[in-house]
């Protein structure tokens, strides 16, 4: 994901709905939607509450990694992190 991507997380009963936008400011449809649980963010980001869940605003290039069983982690892309 680019450093300005947004992940909108809609809290649901058992699983969350993750909606990924490549750019939070662009008026474009989401690049992906999936069901699961965002269990951790291991990259520079800001988290803001929303009426239906929360928004994760990325601050560095990152990758969404499937951990199995519907669990997802956002990790900084190796080699793209500032020293």
PDB file of N, CA and C in Angstrom:
ATOM      1  N   UNK A   1       0.843  -1.169   0.000  1.00  0.00           N
ATOM      2  CA  UNK A   1       0.000   0.000   0.000  1.00  0.00           C
ATOM      3  C   UNK A   1       0.895   1.240   0.000  1.00  0.00           C
ATOM      4  N   UNK A   2       0.460   2.282  -0.655  1.00  0.00           N
ATOM      5  CA  UNK A   2       1.242   3.514  -0.655  1.00  0.00           C
ATOM      6  C   UNK A   2       1.199   4.191   0.722  1.00  0.00           C
ATOM      7  N   UNK A   3       2.099   5.137   0.969  1.00  0.00           N
ATOM      8  CA  UNK A   3       2.169   5.768   2.288  1.00  0.00           C
ATOM      9  C   UNK A   3       0.947   6.612   2.645  1.00  0.00           C
ATOM     10  N   UNK A   4       0.088   6.902   1.695  1.00  0.00           N
ATOM     11  CA  UNK A   4      -1.105   7.707   1.981  1.00  0.00           C
ATOM     12  C   UNK A   4      -2.385   6.869   1.901  1.00  0.00           C
ATOM     13  N   UNK A   5      -2.248   5.552   1.958  1.00  0.00           N
ATOM     14  CA  UNK A   5      -3.420   4.660   1.910  1.00  0.00           C
ATOM     15  C   UNK A   5      -4.220   4.766   3.205  1.00  0.00           C
ATOM     16  N   UNK A   6      -5.506   4.475   3.096  1.00  0.00           N
ATOM     17  CA  UNK A   6      -6.392   4.418   4.262  1.00  0.00           C
ATOM     18  C   UNK A   6      -7.064   3.059   4.291  1.00  0.00           C
ATOM     19  N   UNK A   7      -7.161   2.495   5.481  1.00  0.00           N
ATOM     20  CA  UNK A   7      -7.895   1.254   5.683  1.00  0.00           C
ATOM     21  C   UNK A   7      -9.054   1.585   6.615  1.00  0.00           C
ATOM     22  N   UNK A   8     -10.267   1.456   6.101  1.00  0.00           N
ATOM     23  CA  UNK A   8     -11.463   1.707   6.903  1.00  0.00           C
ATOM     24  C   UNK A   8     -11.914   0.363   7.456  1.00  0.00           C
ATOM     25  N   UNK A   9     -12.007   0.281   8.775  1.00  0.00           N
ATOM     26  CA  UNK A   9     -12.371  -0.970   9.440  1.00  0.00           C
ATOM     27  C   UNK A   9     -13.763  -0.801  10.037  1.00  0.00           C
ATOM     28  N   UNK A  10     -14.704  -1.579   9.514  1.00  0.00           N
ATOM     29  CA  UNK A  10     -16.065  -1.586  10.039  1.00  0.00           C
ATOM     30  C   UNK A  10     -16.171  -2.735  11.034  1.00  0.00           C
ATOM     31  N   UNK A  11     -16.411  -2.389  12.295  1.00  0.00           N
ATOM     32  CA  UNK A  11     -16.566  -3.431  13.315  1.00  0.00           C
ATOM     33  C   UNK A  11     -17.853  -4.190  13.074  1.00  0.00           C
ATOM     34  N   UNK A  12     -17.721  -5.503  13.072  1.00  0.00           N
ATOM     35  CA  UNK A  12     -18.879  -6.381  12.943  1.00  0.00           C
ATOM     36  C   UNK A  12     -18.825  -7.367  14.091  1.00  0.00           C
ATOM     37  N   UNK A  13     -19.783  -8.219  14.200  1.00  0.00           N
ATOM     38  CA  UNK A  13     -19.837  -9.130  15.350  1.00  0.00           C
ATOM     39  C   UNK A  13     -18.612 -10.023  15.460  1.00  0.00           C
ATOM     40  N   UNK A  14     -18.384 -10.862  14.484  1.00  0.00           N
ATOM     41  CA  UNK A  14     -17.278 -11.815  14.572  1.00  0.00           C
ATOM     42  C   UNK A  14     -16.080 -11.408  13.727  1.00  0.00           C
ATOM     43  N   UNK A  15     -16.354 -10.808  12.582  1.00  0.00           N
ATOM     44  CA  UNK A  15     -15.277 -10.375  11.697  1.00  0.00           C
ATOM     45  C   UNK A  15     -15.511  -8.930  11.312  1.00  0.00           C
ATOM     46  N   UNK A  16     -14.434  -8.276  10.953  1.00  0.00           N
ATOM     47  CA  UNK A  16     -14.509  -6.894  10.508  1.00  0.00           C
ATOM     48  C   UNK A  16     -14.547  -6.865   8.984  1.00  0.00           C
ATOM     49  N   UNK A  17     -15.039  -5.758   8.440  1.00  0.00           N
ATOM     50  CA  UNK A  17     -14.968  -5.505   7.008  1.00  0.00           C
ATOM     51  C   UNK A  17     -13.855  -4.489   6.806  1.00  0.00           C
ATOM     52  N   UNK A  18     -12.807  -4.884   6.091  1.00  0.00           N
ATOM     53  CA  UNK A  18     -11.681  -4.000   5.808  1.00  0.00           C
ATOM     54  C   UNK A  18     -11.836  -3.459   4.394  1.00  0.00           C
ATOM     55  N   UNK A  19     -11.854  -2.147   4.262  1.00  0.00           N
ATOM     56  CA  UNK A  19     -11.950  -1.495   2.961  1.00  0.00           C
ATOM     57  C   UNK A  19     -10.683  -0.674   2.770  1.00  0.00           C
ATOM     58  N   UNK A  20      -9.956  -0.951   1.697  1.00  0.00           N
ATOM     59  CA  UNK A  20      -8.650  -0.344   1.479  1.00  0.00           C
ATOM     60  C   UNK A  20      -8.731   0.653   0.332  1.00  0.00           C
ATOM     61  N   UNK A  21      -8.310   1.880   0.614  1.00  0.00           N
ATOM     62  CA  UNK A  21      -8.241   2.944  -0.382  1.00  0.00           C
ATOM     63  C   UNK A  21      -6.773   3.293  -0.589  1.00  0.00           C
ATOM     64  N   UNK A  22      -6.325   3.346  -1.845  1.00  0.00           N
ATOM     65  CA  UNK A  22      -4.929   3.685  -2.128  1.00  0.00           C
ATOM     66  C   UNK A  22      -4.594   5.113  -1.724  1.00  0.00           C
ATOM     67  N   UNK A  23      -5.582   5.992  -1.781  1.00  0.00           N
ATOM     68  CA  UNK A  23      -5.368   7.387  -1.405  1.00  0.00           C
ATOM     69  C   UNK A  23      -6.615   7.887  -0.698  1.00  0.00           C
ATOM     70  N   UNK A  24      -6.441   8.382   0.504  1.00  0.00           N
ATOM     71  CA  UNK A  24      -7.581   8.863   1.269  1.00  0.00           C
ATOM     72  C   UNK A  24      -8.221  10.102   0.671  1.00  0.00           C
ATOM     73  N   UNK A  25      -7.467  10.906  -0.083  1.00  0.00           N
ATOM     74  CA  UNK A  25      -7.993  12.144  -0.637  1.00  0.00           C
ATOM     75  C   UNK A  25      -8.633  11.966  -2.015  1.00  0.00           C
ATOM     76  N   UNK A  26      -8.291  10.904  -2.706  1.00  0.00           N
ATOM     77  CA  UNK A  26      -8.816  10.687  -4.059  1.00  0.00           C
ATOM     78  C   UNK A  26     -10.268  10.234  -4.008  1.00  0.00           C
ATOM     79  N   UNK A  27     -11.017  10.617  -4.988  1.00  0.00           N
ATOM     80  CA  UNK A  27     -12.417  10.203  -5.099  1.00  0.00           C
ATOM     81  C   UNK A  27     -12.499   8.957  -5.977  1.00  0.00           C
ATOM     82  N   UNK A  28     -11.842   7.896  -5.551  1.00  0.00           N
ATOM     83  CA  UNK A  28     -11.816   6.648  -6.315  1.00  0.00           C
ATOM     84  C   UNK A  28     -12.444   5.540  -5.486  1.00  0.00           C
ATOM     85  N   UNK A  29     -12.953   4.509  -6.148  1.00  0.00           N
ATOM     86  CA  UNK A  29     -13.482   3.366  -5.390  1.00  0.00           C
ATOM     87  C   UNK A  29     -12.349   2.653  -4.647  1.00  0.00           C
ATOM     88  N   UNK A  30     -12.694   1.836  -3.667  1.00  0.00           N
ATOM     89  CA  UNK A  30     -11.648   1.124  -2.928  1.00  0.00           C
ATOM     90  C   UNK A  30     -10.878   0.162  -3.826  1.00  0.00           C
ATOM     91  N   UNK A  31      -9.625  -0.072  -3.472  1.00  0.00           N
ATOM     92  CA  UNK A  31      -8.814  -1.019  -4.238  1.00  0.00           C
ATOM     93  C   UNK A  31      -9.061  -2.449  -3.775  1.00  0.00           C
ATOM     94  N   UNK A  32      -9.600  -2.623  -2.562  1.00  0.00           N
ATOM     95  CA  UNK A  32      -9.899  -3.973  -2.059  1.00  0.00           C
ATOM     96  C   UNK A  32     -10.871  -3.898  -0.890  1.00  0.00           C
ATOM     97  N   UNK A  33     -11.643  -4.964  -0.718  1.00  0.00           N
ATOM     98  CA  UNK A  33     -12.496  -5.154   0.454  1.00  0.00           C
ATOM     99  C   UNK A  33     -12.379  -6.610   0.866  1.00  0.00           C
ATOM    100  N   UNK A  34     -12.288  -6.853   2.161  1.00  0.00           N
ATOM    101  CA  UNK A  34     -12.216  -8.228   2.630  1.00  0.00           C
ATOM    102  C   UNK A  34     -12.777  -8.341   4.035  1.00  0.00           C
ATOM    103  N   UNK A  35     -13.197  -9.551   4.374  1.00  0.00           N
ATOM    104  CA  UNK A  35     -13.675  -9.845   5.718  1.00  0.00           C
ATOM    105  C   UNK A  35     -12.544 -10.469   6.511  1.00  0.00           C
ATOM    106  N   UNK A  36     -12.424 -10.086   7.752  1.00  0.00           N
ATOM    107  CA  UNK A  36     -11.391 -10.638   8.618  1.00  0.00           C
ATOM    108  C   UNK A  36     -11.187  -9.727   9.800  1.00  0.00           C
ATOM    109  N   UNK A  37     -10.054  -9.851  10.445  1.00  0.00           N
ATOM    110  CA  UNK A  37      -9.727  -9.019  11.591  1.00  0.00           C
ATOM    111  C   UNK A  37      -8.339  -8.430  11.408  1.00  0.00           C
ATOM    112  N   UNK A  38      -8.258  -7.114  11.490  1.00  0.00           N
ATOM    113  CA  UNK A  38      -6.964  -6.440  11.462  1.00  0.00           C
ATOM    114  C   UNK A  38      -6.413  -6.518  12.885  1.00  0.00           C
ATOM    115  N   UNK A  39      -5.443  -7.389  13.089  1.00  0.00           N
ATOM    116  CA  UNK A  39      -4.972  -7.659  14.444  1.00  0.00           C
ATOM    117  C   UNK A  39      -3.792  -6.784  14.867  1.00  0.00           C
ATOM    118  N   UNK A  40      -3.084  -6.199  13.892  1.00  0.00           N
ATOM    119  CA  UNK A  40      -1.923  -5.402  14.259  1.00  0.00           C
ATOM    120  C   UNK A  40      -1.492  -4.547  13.074  1.00  0.00           C
ATOM    121  N   UNK A  41      -0.889  -3.392  13.385  1.00  0.00           N
ATOM    122  CA  UNK A  41      -0.285  -2.540  12.362  1.00  0.00           C
ATOM    123  C   UNK A  41       1.161  -2.300  12.781  1.00  0.00           C
ATOM    124  N   UNK A  42       2.096  -2.877  12.025  1.00  0.00           N
ATOM    125  CA  UNK A  42       3.529  -2.743  12.295  1.00  0.00           C
ATOM    126  C   UNK A  42       4.159  -1.806  11.274  1.00  0.00           C
ATOM    127  N   UNK A  43       3.574  -0.635  11.121  1.00  0.00           N
ATOM    128  CA  UNK A  43       4.071   0.394  10.211  1.00  0.00           C
ATOM    129  C   UNK A  43       3.601   1.736  10.765  1.00  0.00           C
ATOM    130  N   UNK A  44       4.269   2.798  10.367  1.00  0.00           N
ATOM    131  CA  UNK A  44       3.893   4.129  10.834  1.00  0.00           C
ATOM    132  C   UNK A  44       2.486   4.456  10.344  1.00  0.00           C
ATOM    133  N   UNK A  45       1.601   4.839  11.265  1.00  0.00           N
ATOM    134  CA  UNK A  45       0.205   5.090  10.922  1.00  0.00           C
ATOM    135  C   UNK A  45      -0.457   5.955  11.987  1.00  0.00           C
ATOM    136  N   UNK A  46      -1.650   6.425  11.677  1.00  0.00           N
ATOM    137  CA  UNK A  46      -2.525   7.086  12.643  1.00  0.00           C
ATOM    138  C   UNK A  46      -3.832   6.325  12.648  1.00  0.00           C
ATOM    139  N   UNK A  47      -4.405   6.156  13.825  1.00  0.00           N
ATOM    140  CA  UNK A  47      -5.691   5.462  13.952  1.00  0.00           C
ATOM    141  C   UNK A  47      -6.707   6.451  14.497  1.00  0.00           C
ATOM    142  N   UNK A  48      -7.833   6.574  13.791  1.00  0.00           N
ATOM    143  CA  UNK A  48      -8.892   7.503  14.179  1.00  0.00           C
ATOM    144  C   UNK A  48     -10.204   6.746  14.333  1.00  0.00           C
ATOM    145  N   UNK A  49     -10.953   7.038  15.387  1.00  0.00           N
ATOM    146  CA  UNK A  49     -12.255   6.375  15.541  1.00  0.00           C
ATOM    147  C   UNK A  49     -13.251   6.886  14.509  1.00  0.00           C
ATOM    148  N   UNK A  50     -14.207   6.052  14.159  1.00  0.00           N
ATOM    149  CA  UNK A  50     -15.317   6.448  13.289  1.00  0.00           C
ATOM    150  C   UNK A  50     -16.593   5.889  13.914  1.00  0.00           C
ATOM    151  N   UNK A  51     -17.753   6.352  13.476  1.00  0.00           N
ATOM    152  CA  UNK A  51     -19.005   5.862  14.074  1.00  0.00           C
ATOM    153  C   UNK A  51     -19.209   4.350  13.935  1.00  0.00           C
ATOM    154  N   UNK A  52     -18.590   3.745  12.928  1.00  0.00           N
ATOM    155  CA  UNK A  52     -18.805   2.312  12.695  1.00  0.00           C
ATOM    156  C   UNK A  52     -17.569   1.462  12.957  1.00  0.00           C
ATOM    157  N   UNK A  53     -16.494   2.057  13.434  1.00  0.00           N
ATOM    158  CA  UNK A  53     -15.257   1.319  13.668  1.00  0.00           C
ATOM    159  C   UNK A  53     -14.092   2.275  13.820  1.00  0.00           C
ATOM    160  N   UNK A  54     -13.130   2.185  12.881  1.00  0.00           N
ATOM    161  CA  UNK A  54     -11.984   3.082  12.923  1.00  0.00           C
ATOM    162  C   UNK A  54     -11.319   3.144  11.548  1.00  0.00           C
ATOM    163  N   UNK A  55     -10.453   4.146  11.377  1.00  0.00           N
ATOM    164  CA  UNK A  55      -9.715   4.345  10.130  1.00  0.00           C
ATOM    165  C   UNK A  55      -8.226   4.315  10.453  1.00  0.00           C
ATOM    166  N   UNK A  56      -7.482   3.549   9.680  1.00  0.00           N
ATOM    167  CA  UNK A  56      -6.028   3.499   9.798  1.00  0.00           C
ATOM    168  C   UNK A  56      -5.462   4.271   8.609  1.00  0.00           C
ATOM    169  N   UNK A  57      -4.777   5.377   8.883  1.00  0.00           N
ATOM    170  CA  UNK A  57      -4.159   6.199   7.840  1.00  0.00           C
ATOM    171  C   UNK A  57      -2.666   5.895   7.825  1.00  0.00           C
ATOM    172  N   UNK A  58      -2.216   5.297   6.745  1.00  0.00           N
ATOM    173  CA  UNK A  58      -0.822   4.886   6.648  1.00  0.00           C
ATOM    174  C   UNK A  58       0.080   6.097   6.429  1.00  0.00           C
ATOM    175  N   UNK A  59       1.290   6.027   6.969  1.00  0.00           N
ATOM    176  CA  UNK A  59       2.279   7.092   6.848  1.00  0.00           C
ATOM    177  C   UNK A  59       3.574   6.611   6.191  1.00  0.00           C
ATOM    178  N   UNK A  60       3.598   5.333   5.788  1.00  0.00           N
ATOM    179  CA  UNK A  60       4.753   4.786   5.078  1.00  0.00           C
ATOM    180  C   UNK A  60       4.275   3.633   4.202  1.00  0.00           C
ATOM    181  N   UNK A  61       5.042   3.280   3.176  1.00  0.00           N
ATOM    182  CA  UNK A  61       4.653   2.145   2.329  1.00  0.00           C
ATOM    183  C   UNK A  61       4.517   0.883   3.177  1.00  0.00           C
ATOM    184  N   UNK A  62       3.489   0.113   2.891  1.00  0.00           N
ATOM    185  CA  UNK A  62       3.214  -1.062   3.718  1.00  0.00           C
ATOM    186  C   UNK A  62       2.553  -2.154   2.888  1.00  0.00           C
ATOM    187  N   UNK A  63       2.421  -3.312   3.512  1.00  0.00           N
ATOM    188  CA  UNK A  63       1.828  -4.480   2.881  1.00  0.00           C
ATOM    189  C   UNK A  63       0.834  -5.107   3.841  1.00  0.00           C
ATOM    190  N   UNK A  64      -0.307  -5.530   3.318  1.00  0.00           N
ATOM    191  CA  UNK A  64      -1.296  -6.255   4.108  1.00  0.00           C
ATOM    192  C   UNK A  64      -0.951  -7.737   4.023  1.00  0.00           C
ATOM    193  N   UNK A  65      -0.706  -8.368   5.163  1.00  0.00           N
ATOM    194  CA  UNK A  65      -0.228  -9.750   5.208  1.00  0.00           C
ATOM    195  C   UNK A  65      -1.287 -10.638   5.849  1.00  0.00           C
ATOM    196  N   UNK A  66      -1.633 -11.719   5.158  1.00  0.00           N
ATOM    197  CA  UNK A  66      -2.600 -12.697   5.661  1.00  0.00           C
ATOM    198  C   UNK A  66      -1.910 -13.610   6.670  1.00  0.00           C
ATOM    199  N   UNK A  67      -2.435 -13.649   7.893  1.00  0.00           N
ATOM    200  CA  UNK A  67      -1.877 -14.493   8.949  1.00  0.00           C
ATOM    201  C   UNK A  67      -2.625 -15.816   9.086  1.00  0.00           C
ATOM    202  N   UNK A  68      -3.638 -16.017   8.246  1.00  0.00           N
ATOM    203  CA  UNK A  68      -4.463 -17.219   8.331  1.00  0.00           C
ATOM    204  C   UNK A  68      -5.639 -17.009   9.270  1.00  0.00           C
ATOM    205  N   UNK A  69      -6.653 -17.822   9.128  1.00  0.00           N
ATOM    206  CA  UNK A  69      -7.863 -17.760   9.956  1.00  0.00           C
ATOM    207  C   UNK A  69      -8.525 -16.383   9.939  1.00  0.00           C
ATOM    208  N   UNK A  70      -8.380 -15.652   8.837  1.00  0.00           N
ATOM    209  CA  UNK A  70      -9.020 -14.346   8.720  1.00  0.00           C
ATOM    210  C   UNK A  70      -8.338 -13.234   9.483  1.00  0.00           C
ATOM    211  N   UNK A  71      -7.114 -13.450   9.940  1.00  0.00           N
ATOM    212  CA  UNK A  71      -6.359 -12.425  10.656  1.00  0.00           C
ATOM    213  C   UNK A  71      -5.387 -11.755   9.696  1.00  0.00           C
ATOM    214  N   UNK A  72      -5.328 -10.425   9.776  1.00  0.00           N
ATOM    215  CA  UNK A  72      -4.486  -9.633   8.883  1.00  0.00           C
ATOM    216  C   UNK A  72      -3.581  -8.715   9.690  1.00  0.00           C
ATOM    217  N   UNK A  73      -2.391  -8.467   9.165  1.00  0.00           N
ATOM    218  CA  UNK A  73      -1.419  -7.561   9.763  1.00  0.00           C
ATOM    219  C   UNK A  73      -0.941  -6.620   8.667  1.00  0.00           C
ATOM    220  N   UNK A  74      -0.784  -5.350   9.004  1.00  0.00           N
ATOM    221  CA  UNK A  74      -0.167  -4.397   8.078  1.00  0.00           C
ATOM    222  C   UNK A  74       1.277  -4.228   8.523  1.00  0.00           C
ATOM    223  N   UNK A  75       2.216  -4.486   7.606  1.00  0.00           N
ATOM    224  CA  UNK A  75       3.641  -4.378   7.911  1.00  0.00           C
ATOM    225  C   UNK A  75       4.299  -3.363   6.989  1.00  0.00           C
ATOM    226  N   UNK A  76       5.288  -2.662   7.532  1.00  0.00           N
ATOM    227  CA  UNK A  76       6.094  -1.764   6.704  1.00  0.00           C
ATOM    228  C   UNK A  76       6.808  -2.596   5.653  1.00  0.00           C
ATOM    229  N   UNK A  77       6.889  -2.055   4.451  1.00  0.00           N
ATOM    230  CA  UNK A  77       7.618  -2.751   3.390  1.00  0.00           C
ATOM    231  C   UNK A  77       9.105  -2.659   3.673  1.00  0.00           C
ATOM    232  N   UNK A  78       9.775  -3.787   3.739  1.00  0.00           N
ATOM    233  CA  UNK A  78      11.216  -3.779   4.003  1.00  0.00           C
ATOM    234  C   UNK A  78      11.927  -3.056   2.869  1.00  0.00           C
ATOM    235  N   UNK A  79      12.896  -2.241   3.248  1.00  0.00           N
ATOM    236  CA  UNK A  79      13.638  -1.474   2.259  1.00  0.00           C
ATOM    237  C   UNK A  79      13.011  -0.132   1.947  1.00  0.00           C
ATOM    238  N   UNK A  80      11.737   0.073   2.320  1.00  0.00           N
ATOM    239  CA  UNK A  80      11.058   1.339   2.046  1.00  0.00           C
ATOM    240  C   UNK A  80      11.015   2.251   3.264  1.00  0.00           C
ATOM    241  N   UNK A  81      11.452   1.760   4.411  1.00  0.00           N
ATOM    242  CA  UNK A  81      11.377   2.527   5.654  1.00  0.00           C
ATOM    243  C   UNK A  81      12.519   3.528   5.718  1.00  0.00           C
ATOM    244  N   UNK A  82      12.239   4.718   6.241  1.00  0.00           N
ATOM    245  CA  UNK A  82      13.286   5.722   6.425  1.00  0.00           C
ATOM    246  C   UNK A  82      14.226   5.274   7.539  1.00  0.00           C
ATOM    247  N   UNK A  83      15.530   5.581   7.425  1.00  0.00           N
ATOM    248  CA  UNK A  83      16.485   5.180   8.477  1.00  0.00           C
ATOM    249  C   UNK A  83      16.249   5.920   9.768  1.00  0.00           C
TER     250      UNK A  83
END
